[in-house]
C-alpha cells in the first residue's frame, strides 16, 4: 500500500507539471485584456488542463499495473485515483492564485486570491474527468499488464534461445508445439488490445469536450482598469468586423456562464417549481367542501415554497450574466420568484405571537403568493430562453 500511495503522489506531481507546462506554453498566446481571455483562449486552456490530468492518471495506472507482481488492477486504480485527487488540487490552486503566478497566469494580471474562479474551473474539470478517468485508468492498467507480459515473454524466448546455443543442444520442444503456444499467446495479447485500446481512445475522445469557467464580477472590473491607448494609436478596423467580434465574444461568455453553472441553477429551480406544481394539482383534485373549497396541507406547501425560495436565492447569488441586457430579466425573474416563495412561506407559518389573520385574508395572500410564483417561473423561462439563444451561437 505504501508503494501504491507513493506512486499515486508521484503521478500527482506529474499532473501538476503537465498543467503548469500547458499554462506556460499558452501564456505566450494570451490576449491583451482579461475580458478577451475569457473567450476561446480560456476554452483551449481548460482543454489542455483536462488532457494533462487524464494523461497523468492513465500513465500512473499503466506503470503501476506493469510493475506490480499481483493485484495489478486494484493497485493501478488506487494509484490513479490518488493522482486524480492531487491533480484536482493543483487545478484549484492554479486558477485560484491566477494573477500571482507570473508566466503561469491565465486570465488575471493583478495578484489576488480568486476562490470562486478556482472552484468553478475545478468543478468543470471534475465533471468531465471524474468517471471517465476511472474507466480510462482501468483500460490503461490492462494495457500496462499486457505490455509487461509481452516484454517478459520476449525476454524468456531470448534467454531460451541463447541457452540452447551455448549448450549446443537442439530445442527440446517439438516443432508442432511452438506454433500452438505462439498462437495462444498472440490470441491473448490481441484480445487485451482489442478490448483495451478502443476503450482508451473512446475515453480520451469523450473527455476532450471543451468548456470554459464563468468569471466573477471582478473580471469585468479588471478589464475596465486596463490602460487604453490614445485614439490615434488604436488600430482601425472595419465597423462590421468589430460588431461581429463583439457578438461572438458575447456569445462565448454567455455560453461559458451557462455551461458552468447557469443551466444547473435553472434545473434546480425548475425541479422545485415542478414539485410545487404537483402539490397544487393534487390539492385541486381533492373533493370539495360544502363551500366549494378544498383543504390545504400547509406544512407541505411551506416546505415546497421554502425549497423553491432557496434554489432561487442560490441562482441569484451565482455570477451575473455577462451580457447586461440578459442579466436584468434574469435577476428580475429570480427576485419575483423569491418574493412569492417568501410570501407563501409566511402565510403557511403559524403566527408565533403575531396577530392571527382571518381565513379570508390568509386565502387571499396564499393565492397571491402562488400567482407571483407562477409569474416568476414564466419570466425565468423567458429569460433562460434568451440566454440560451445567445449562447447557442458560440463559435459560429
Protein backbone atom coordinates (compact mmCIF):
# COMPACT_ATOMS: atom_id res chain seq x y z
CA UNK A 1 0.00 0.00 0.00
CA UNK A 2 2.85 2.40 0.80
CA UNK A 3 4.39 1.97 -2.65
CA UNK A 4 0.99 2.37 -4.28
CA UNK A 5 0.38 5.66 -2.49
CA UNK A 6 3.88 6.90 -3.33
CA UNK A 7 3.25 6.08 -6.97
CA UNK A 8 -0.04 7.98 -6.84
CA UNK A 9 1.61 11.05 -5.32
CA UNK A 10 4.36 10.87 -7.93
CA UNK A 11 1.67 10.79 -10.60
CA UNK A 12 0.10 13.85 -8.95
CA UNK A 13 3.39 15.70 -9.31
CA UNK A 14 3.45 14.70 -12.98
CA UNK A 15 -0.09 16.08 -13.35
CA UNK A 16 0.94 19.35 -11.70
CA UNK A 17 3.91 19.59 -14.03
CA UNK A 18 1.70 18.92 -17.06
CA UNK A 19 -0.86 21.55 -16.06
CA UNK A 20 1.91 24.07 -15.37
CA UNK A 21 3.55 23.28 -18.72
CA UNK A 22 0.27 23.81 -20.56
CA UNK A 23 -0.21 27.16 -18.80
CA UNK A 24 3.34 28.22 -19.61
CA UNK A 25 3.05 27.32 -23.30
CA UNK A 26 -0.31 29.08 -23.68
CA UNK A 27 0.92 32.15 -21.79
CA UNK A 28 2.64 33.41 -24.93
CA UNK A 29 -0.72 33.42 -26.76
CA UNK A 30 -2.69 35.35 -24.13
CA UNK A 31 -4.86 38.19 -25.45
CA UNK A 32 -4.15 41.69 -24.24
CA UNK A 33 -7.06 42.21 -21.82
CA UNK A 34 -8.71 39.94 -19.22
CA UNK A 35 -12.06 40.35 -20.97
CA UNK A 36 -10.67 38.86 -24.19
CA UNK A 37 -9.09 35.99 -22.23
CA UNK A 38 -12.50 34.65 -21.20
CA UNK A 39 -13.33 33.61 -24.75
CA UNK A 40 -11.82 30.87 -26.91
CA UNK A 41 -8.43 31.25 -25.22
CA UNK A 42 -9.82 30.08 -21.88
CA UNK A 43 -11.63 27.18 -23.58
CA UNK A 44 -8.35 25.96 -25.09
CA UNK A 45 -6.55 26.44 -21.78
CA UNK A 46 -9.03 24.30 -19.88
CA UNK A 47 -8.99 21.68 -22.63
CA UNK A 48 -5.23 21.25 -22.18
CA UNK A 49 -5.69 21.14 -18.41
CA UNK A 50 -8.06 18.19 -18.80
CA UNK A 51 -5.62 16.49 -21.17
CA UNK A 52 -2.80 16.86 -18.61
CA UNK A 53 -4.93 15.42 -15.78
CA UNK A 54 -6.10 12.48 -17.88
CA UNK A 55 -2.62 11.70 -19.23
CA UNK A 56 -1.05 11.67 -15.75
CA UNK A 57 -3.74 9.34 -14.37
CA UNK A 58 -3.56 6.91 -17.30
CA UNK A 59 0.24 6.86 -17.25
CA UNK A 60 0.28 6.16 -13.50
CA UNK A 61 -2.22 3.32 -13.84
CA UNK A 62 -0.29 1.71 -16.70
CA UNK A 63 3.08 1.86 -14.91
CA UNK A 64 1.75 0.63 -11.55
CA UNK A 65 -0.02 -2.30 -13.21
CA UNK A 66 3.06 -3.16 -15.27
CA UNK A 67 5.42 -3.29 -12.27
CA UNK A 68 3.05 -4.92 -9.76
CA UNK A 69 3.58 -8.68 -9.25
CA UNK A 70 -0.05 -9.21 -8.18
CA UNK A 71 -3.32 -7.33 -7.63
CA UNK A 72 -2.43 -5.18 -10.61
CA UNK A 73 -5.87 -3.68 -11.25
CA UNK A 74 -6.70 -2.59 -7.64
CA UNK A 75 -3.25 -1.09 -7.19
CA UNK A 76 -3.43 0.73 -10.51
CA UNK A 77 -6.87 2.17 -9.75
CA UNK A 78 -5.87 3.31 -6.25
CA UNK A 79 -2.72 4.99 -7.54
CA UNK A 80 -4.64 6.62 -10.41
CA UNK A 81 -7.28 8.00 -8.02
CA UNK A 82 -4.58 9.44 -5.73
CA UNK A 83 -3.09 11.08 -8.82
CA UNK A 84 -6.52 12.35 -9.81
CA UNK A 85 -7.20 13.96 -6.43
CA UNK A 86 -3.76 15.56 -6.36
CA UNK A 87 -4.34 16.87 -9.90
CA UNK A 88 -7.67 18.44 -8.86
CA UNK A 89 -5.91 20.22 -6.01
CA UNK A 90 -3.33 21.54 -8.48
CA UNK A 91 -6.04 22.81 -10.84
CA UNK A 92 -7.77 24.63 -7.99
CA UNK A 93 -4.54 26.28 -6.84
CA UNK A 94 -3.59 27.28 -10.39
CA UNK A 95 -6.86 29.10 -11.08
CA UNK A 96 -7.45 30.42 -7.55
CA UNK A 97 -3.99 32.02 -7.47
CA UNK A 98 -4.33 33.32 -11.01
CA UNK A 99 -2.56 36.67 -11.29
CA UNK A 100 0.18 35.73 -8.79
CA UNK A 101 1.95 33.06 -10.86
CA UNK A 102 3.84 35.15 -13.40
CA UNK A 103 4.25 33.15 -16.63
CA UNK A 104 1.55 30.72 -15.46
CA UNK A 105 -1.19 33.35 -15.22
CA UNK A 106 -4.28 32.58 -17.26
CA UNK A 107 -6.71 35.50 -17.09
CA UNK A 108 -5.86 37.93 -14.32
CA UNK A 109 -2.82 40.16 -14.04
CA UNK A 110 -3.37 41.53 -10.53
CA UNK A 111 -2.24 39.26 -7.69
CA UNK A 112 -5.33 38.35 -5.71
CA UNK A 113 -6.87 35.15 -4.37
CA UNK A 114 -9.81 34.08 -6.58
CA UNK A 115 -11.57 31.28 -4.69
CA UNK A 116 -14.67 31.33 -6.90
CA UNK A 117 -12.55 31.07 -10.03
CA UNK A 118 -10.69 28.02 -8.67
CA UNK A 119 -13.91 26.32 -7.56
CA UNK A 120 -15.71 26.89 -10.86
CA UNK A 121 -12.85 25.64 -13.02
CA UNK A 122 -12.19 22.75 -10.64
CA UNK A 123 -15.84 21.74 -10.79
CA UNK A 124 -15.82 21.78 -14.60
CA UNK A 125 -12.67 19.63 -14.70
CA UNK A 126 -14.11 17.20 -12.14
CA UNK A 127 -17.38 16.82 -14.07
CA UNK A 128 -15.50 15.99 -17.26
CA UNK A 129 -12.91 13.63 -15.77
CA UNK A 130 -14.25 12.07 -12.56
CA UNK A 131 -15.88 8.97 -14.06
CA UNK A 132 -14.03 8.75 -17.35
CA UNK A 133 -10.64 8.79 -15.62
CA UNK A 134 -11.57 5.68 -13.64
CA UNK A 135 -12.60 3.84 -16.82
CA UNK A 136 -9.54 5.07 -18.69
CA UNK A 137 -7.24 4.07 -15.82
CA UNK A 138 -8.68 0.54 -15.82
CA UNK A 139 -8.06 0.25 -19.55
CA UNK A 140 -4.57 1.70 -19.16
CA UNK A 141 -3.87 -0.87 -16.42
CA UNK A 142 -4.86 -3.66 -18.82
CA UNK A 143 -2.53 -2.19 -21.41
CA UNK A 144 0.29 -1.96 -18.89
CA UNK A 145 -0.15 -5.59 -17.79
CA UNK A 146 -0.25 -6.71 -21.41
CA UNK A 147 2.88 -4.74 -22.30
CA UNK A 148 4.76 -6.10 -19.25
CA UNK A 149 3.74 -9.64 -20.11
CA UNK A 150 4.87 -9.20 -23.69
CA UNK A 151 8.27 -7.92 -22.54
CA UNK A 152 8.73 -10.85 -20.16
CA UNK A 153 7.73 -13.28 -22.87
CA UNK A 154 10.28 -11.82 -25.30
CA UNK A 155 12.99 -11.99 -22.66
CA UNK A 156 12.24 -15.63 -21.91
CA UNK A 157 12.39 -16.50 -25.59
CA UNK A 158 15.72 -14.77 -25.99
CA UNK A 159 17.11 -16.41 -22.86
CA UNK A 160 15.93 -19.83 -24.02
CA UNK A 161 17.42 -19.28 -27.47
CA UNK A 162 20.74 -18.12 -26.01
CA UNK A 163 20.94 -21.06 -23.58
CA UNK A 164 20.31 -23.62 -26.30
CA UNK A 165 23.10 -22.17 -28.46
CA UNK A 166 25.66 -22.22 -25.66
CA UNK A 167 24.81 -25.80 -24.72
CA UNK A 168 24.75 -26.92 -28.36
CA UNK A 169 21.53 -28.74 -27.61
CA UNK A 170 18.61 -28.60 -30.03
CA UNK A 171 15.34 -27.11 -28.86
CA UNK A 172 13.53 -29.67 -26.70
CA UNK A 173 10.04 -28.71 -27.81
CA UNK A 174 8.68 -30.41 -30.92
CA UNK A 175 8.17 -28.25 -33.94
CA UNK A 176 4.43 -28.84 -33.82
CA UNK A 177 4.08 -27.43 -30.28
CA UNK A 178 5.71 -23.99 -30.83
CA UNK A 179 3.12 -22.64 -33.29
CA UNK A 180 0.28 -23.68 -30.99
CA UNK A 181 1.84 -21.91 -27.98
CA UNK A 182 2.69 -18.84 -30.03
CA UNK A 183 -0.83 -18.70 -31.38
CA UNK A 184 -2.27 -18.86 -27.85
CA UNK A 185 -0.03 -16.03 -26.64
CA UNK A 186 -0.87 -13.89 -29.65
CA UNK A 187 -4.57 -14.59 -29.13
CA UNK A 188 -4.44 -13.43 -25.52
CA UNK A 189 -2.42 -10.32 -26.39
CA UNK A 190 -4.72 -9.49 -29.27
CA UNK A 191 -7.78 -9.88 -27.05
CA UNK A 192 -6.33 -7.47 -24.47
CA UNK A 193 -5.50 -4.89 -27.14
CA UNK A 194 -8.87 -5.30 -28.85
CA UNK A 195 -10.71 -4.69 -25.57
CA UNK A 196 -8.43 -2.08 -24.05
CA UNK A 197 -7.29 0.16 -26.90
CA UNK A 198 -10.75 1.21 -28.20
CA UNK A 199 -11.89 1.92 -24.64
CA UNK A 200 -8.87 4.12 -24.00
CA UNK A 201 -9.42 6.02 -27.25
CA UNK A 202 -13.14 6.39 -26.52
CA UNK A 203 -12.39 7.73 -23.05
CA UNK A 204 -9.90 10.26 -24.39
CA UNK A 205 -12.29 11.45 -27.10
CA UNK A 206 -15.23 11.66 -24.69
CA UNK A 207 -13.29 13.82 -22.25
CA UNK A 208 -11.92 16.36 -24.69
CA UNK A 209 -15.15 18.38 -24.92
CA UNK A 210 -14.03 21.93 -24.28
CA UNK A 211 -15.64 24.03 -21.62
CA UNK A 212 -14.95 27.37 -20.02
CA UNK A 213 -15.44 28.62 -16.43
CA UNK A 214 -17.61 31.60 -15.65
CA UNK A 215 -15.69 34.62 -14.41
CA UNK A 216 -16.63 36.72 -11.40
CA UNK A 217 -17.60 40.36 -11.46
CA UNK A 218 -14.00 41.25 -10.62
CA UNK A 219 -13.04 40.21 -14.13
CA UNK A 220 -15.19 42.89 -15.70
CA UNK A 221 -13.87 45.43 -13.23
CA UNK A 222 -10.29 44.48 -14.00
CA UNK A 223 -10.99 44.69 -17.72
CA UNK A 224 -12.15 48.29 -17.39
CA UNK A 225 -9.00 49.16 -15.45
CA UNK A 226 -6.73 48.36 -18.40
CA UNK A 227 -4.87 51.36 -19.80
CA UNK A 228 -6.47 52.42 -23.05
CA UNK A 229 -4.40 53.55 -26.00
CA UNK A 230 -4.96 57.01 -27.47
CA UNK A 231 -7.48 57.07 -30.30
CA UNK A 232 -4.80 57.88 -32.86
CA UNK A 233 -2.74 54.80 -31.85
CA UNK A 234 -5.56 52.29 -31.79
CA UNK A 235 -5.72 50.02 -34.83
CA UNK A 236 -8.57 50.83 -37.12
CA UNK A 237 -10.91 48.01 -38.03
CA UNK A 238 -13.97 47.96 -40.20
CA UNK A 239 -17.16 48.58 -38.17
CA UNK A 240 -18.73 45.37 -39.37
CA UNK A 241 -15.79 43.32 -38.17
CA UNK A 242 -15.85 44.95 -34.73
CA UNK A 243 -19.56 44.21 -34.37
CA UNK A 244 -19.05 40.58 -35.41
CA UNK A 245 -16.19 40.11 -32.95
CA UNK A 246 -18.22 41.70 -30.15
CA UNK A 247 -21.22 39.46 -30.86
CA UNK A 248 -19.02 36.37 -30.91
CA UNK A 249 -17.36 37.35 -27.62
CA UNK A 250 -20.78 37.92 -26.01
CA UNK A 251 -21.85 34.51 -27.23
CA UNK A 252 -18.74 32.77 -25.83
CA UNK A 253 -19.10 34.49 -22.46
CA UNK A 254 -22.79 33.64 -22.22
CA UNK A 255 -22.12 30.02 -23.16
CA UNK A 256 -19.41 29.86 -20.52
CA UNK A 257 -21.77 31.26 -17.88
CA UNK A 258 -24.50 28.82 -18.89
CA UNK A 259 -22.32 25.75 -19.23
CA UNK A 260 -20.56 26.10 -15.87
CA UNK A 261 -23.45 26.68 -13.51
CA UNK A 262 -26.23 28.75 -15.03
CA UNK A 263 -28.05 25.77 -16.52
CA UNK A 264 -27.61 23.82 -13.27
CA UNK A 265 -29.31 26.57 -11.27
CA UNK A 266 -32.17 26.73 -13.76
CA UNK A 267 -32.71 22.96 -13.47
CA UNK A 268 -32.73 23.16 -9.67
CA UNK A 269 -35.32 25.94 -9.70
CA UNK A 270 -37.38 24.07 -12.30
CA UNK A 271 -37.41 20.86 -10.22
CA UNK A 272 -38.56 22.78 -7.13
CA UNK A 273 -41.26 24.55 -9.16
CA UNK A 274 -42.41 21.23 -10.61
CA UNK A 275 -42.77 19.74 -7.12
CA UNK A 276 -44.85 22.75 -6.07
CA UNK A 277 -46.99 22.42 -9.19
CA UNK A 278 -47.67 18.75 -8.46
CA UNK A 279 -48.83 19.62 -4.96
CA UNK A 280 -51.10 22.35 -6.33
CA UNK A 281 -52.66 19.91 -8.78
CA UNK A 282 -53.03 17.24 -6.10
CA UNK A 283 -54.74 19.73 -3.80
CA UNK A 284 -57.03 20.98 -6.57
CA UNK A 285 -58.08 17.40 -7.35
CA UNK A 286 -59.40 16.81 -3.81
CA UNK A 287 -63.07 16.57 -3.06
CA UNK A 288 -64.62 19.97 -2.48
CA UNK A 289 -66.11 21.01 0.83
CA UNK A 290 -69.63 22.36 1.21
CA UNK A 291 -68.39 25.87 0.49
CA UNK A 292 -66.72 24.67 -2.73
CA UNK A 293 -63.17 24.90 -1.39
CA UNK A 294 -60.51 22.32 -0.53
CA UNK A 295 -58.25 21.82 2.46
CA UNK A 296 -54.58 22.79 2.01
CA UNK A 297 -51.69 20.90 3.59
CA UNK A 298 -49.89 23.97 4.94
CA UNK A 299 -46.77 22.10 6.09
CA UNK A 300 -46.20 20.63 2.63
CA UNK A 301 -46.66 24.00 0.92
CA UNK A 302 -44.38 25.65 3.46
CA UNK A 303 -41.65 23.10 2.74
CA UNK A 304 -42.03 23.27 -1.06
CA UNK A 305 -42.10 27.07 -1.14
CA UNK A 306 -39.05 27.15 1.12
CA UNK A 307 -37.14 24.84 -1.23
CA UNK A 308 -38.13 26.96 -4.23
CA UNK A 309 -37.02 30.15 -2.49
CA UNK A 310 -33.72 28.52 -1.51
CA UNK A 311 -32.84 27.46 -5.07
CA UNK A 312 -33.93 30.84 -6.43
CA UNK A 313 -31.67 32.59 -3.90
CA UNK A 314 -28.71 30.38 -4.87
CA UNK A 315 -29.33 31.16 -8.54
CA UNK A 316 -29.37 34.86 -7.68
CA UNK A 317 -26.03 34.56 -5.87
CA UNK A 318 -24.43 32.99 -8.95
CA UNK A 319 -22.27 35.13 -11.23
CA UNK A 320 -24.12 37.80 -13.21
CA UNK A 321 -24.91 37.06 -16.83
CA UNK A 322 -22.01 38.54 -18.86
CA UNK A 323 -24.45 40.37 -21.14
CA UNK A 324 -26.17 43.25 -19.34
CA UNK A 325 -29.32 43.05 -21.48
CA UNK A 326 -29.78 39.44 -20.38
CA UNK A 327 -28.86 39.97 -16.71
CA UNK A 328 -31.76 42.33 -15.93
CA UNK A 329 -34.63 39.95 -16.94
CA UNK A 330 -32.80 37.08 -15.19
CA UNK A 331 -32.42 38.95 -11.89
CA UNK A 332 -35.96 40.38 -12.04
CA UNK A 333 -37.46 36.92 -12.52
CA UNK A 334 -35.48 35.49 -9.61
CA UNK A 335 -36.46 38.41 -7.38
CA UNK A 336 -40.15 37.89 -8.15
CA UNK A 337 -39.78 34.17 -7.55
CA UNK A 338 -38.07 34.66 -4.19
CA UNK A 339 -40.69 37.21 -3.12
CA UNK A 340 -43.57 34.88 -3.99
CA UNK A 341 -41.91 31.94 -2.23
CA UNK A 342 -41.33 34.02 0.92
CA UNK A 343 -44.97 35.13 0.98
CA UNK A 344 -46.07 31.53 0.52
CA UNK A 345 -43.94 30.50 3.49
CA UNK A 346 -45.16 33.40 5.62
CA UNK A 347 -48.83 32.66 5.10
CA UNK A 348 -48.39 28.94 5.83
CA UNK A 349 -46.36 29.52 9.02
CA UNK A 350 -48.03 29.78 12.46
CA UNK A 351 -48.27 33.42 13.66
CA UNK A 352 -45.88 32.90 16.65
CA UNK A 353 -47.24 35.79 18.70
CA UNK A 354 -48.28 37.97 15.77
CA UNK A 355 -51.95 38.87 15.37
CA UNK A 356 -53.64 35.98 13.55
CA UNK A 357 -55.01 36.63 10.12
CA UNK A 358 -58.59 35.89 9.18
CA UNK A 359 -59.23 32.86 6.94
CA UNK A 360 -60.26 35.14 4.07
CA UNK A 361 -57.06 37.17 4.39
CA UNK A 362 -54.90 34.04 4.53
CA UNK A 363 -56.63 32.65 1.47
CA UNK A 364 -56.08 35.89 -0.43
CA UNK A 365 -52.39 36.08 0.49
CA UNK A 366 -51.84 32.41 -0.28
CA UNK A 367 -53.38 32.67 -3.74
CA UNK A 368 -51.47 35.89 -4.44
CA UNK A 369 -48.17 34.25 -3.48
CA UNK A 370 -48.81 31.32 -5.81
CA UNK A 371 -49.75 33.68 -8.63
CA UNK A 372 -46.48 35.55 -8.11
CA UNK A 373 -44.54 32.28 -8.15
CA UNK A 374 -46.19 31.30 -11.44
CA UNK A 375 -45.32 34.69 -12.98
CA UNK A 376 -41.76 34.37 -11.72
CA UNK A 377 -41.40 30.94 -13.31
CA UNK A 378 -42.76 32.28 -16.61
CA UNK A 379 -40.36 35.23 -16.55
CA UNK A 380 -37.46 32.95 -15.65
CA UNK A 381 -38.27 30.67 -18.58
CA UNK A 382 -38.32 33.61 -20.98
CA UNK A 383 -35.01 34.93 -19.61
CA UNK A 384 -33.41 31.50 -19.87
CA UNK A 385 -34.53 31.10 -23.49
CA UNK A 386 -32.94 34.44 -24.37
CA UNK A 387 -29.70 33.43 -22.64
CA UNK A 388 -29.67 30.05 -24.36
CA UNK A 389 -30.31 31.63 -27.76
CA UNK A 390 -27.34 33.95 -27.30
CA UNK A 391 -25.06 31.16 -26.07
CA UNK A 392 -26.17 28.70 -28.75
CA UNK A 393 -24.34 30.66 -31.46
CA UNK A 394 -20.89 30.39 -29.83
CA UNK A 395 -18.11 29.57 -32.22
CA UNK A 396 -20.24 30.19 -35.32
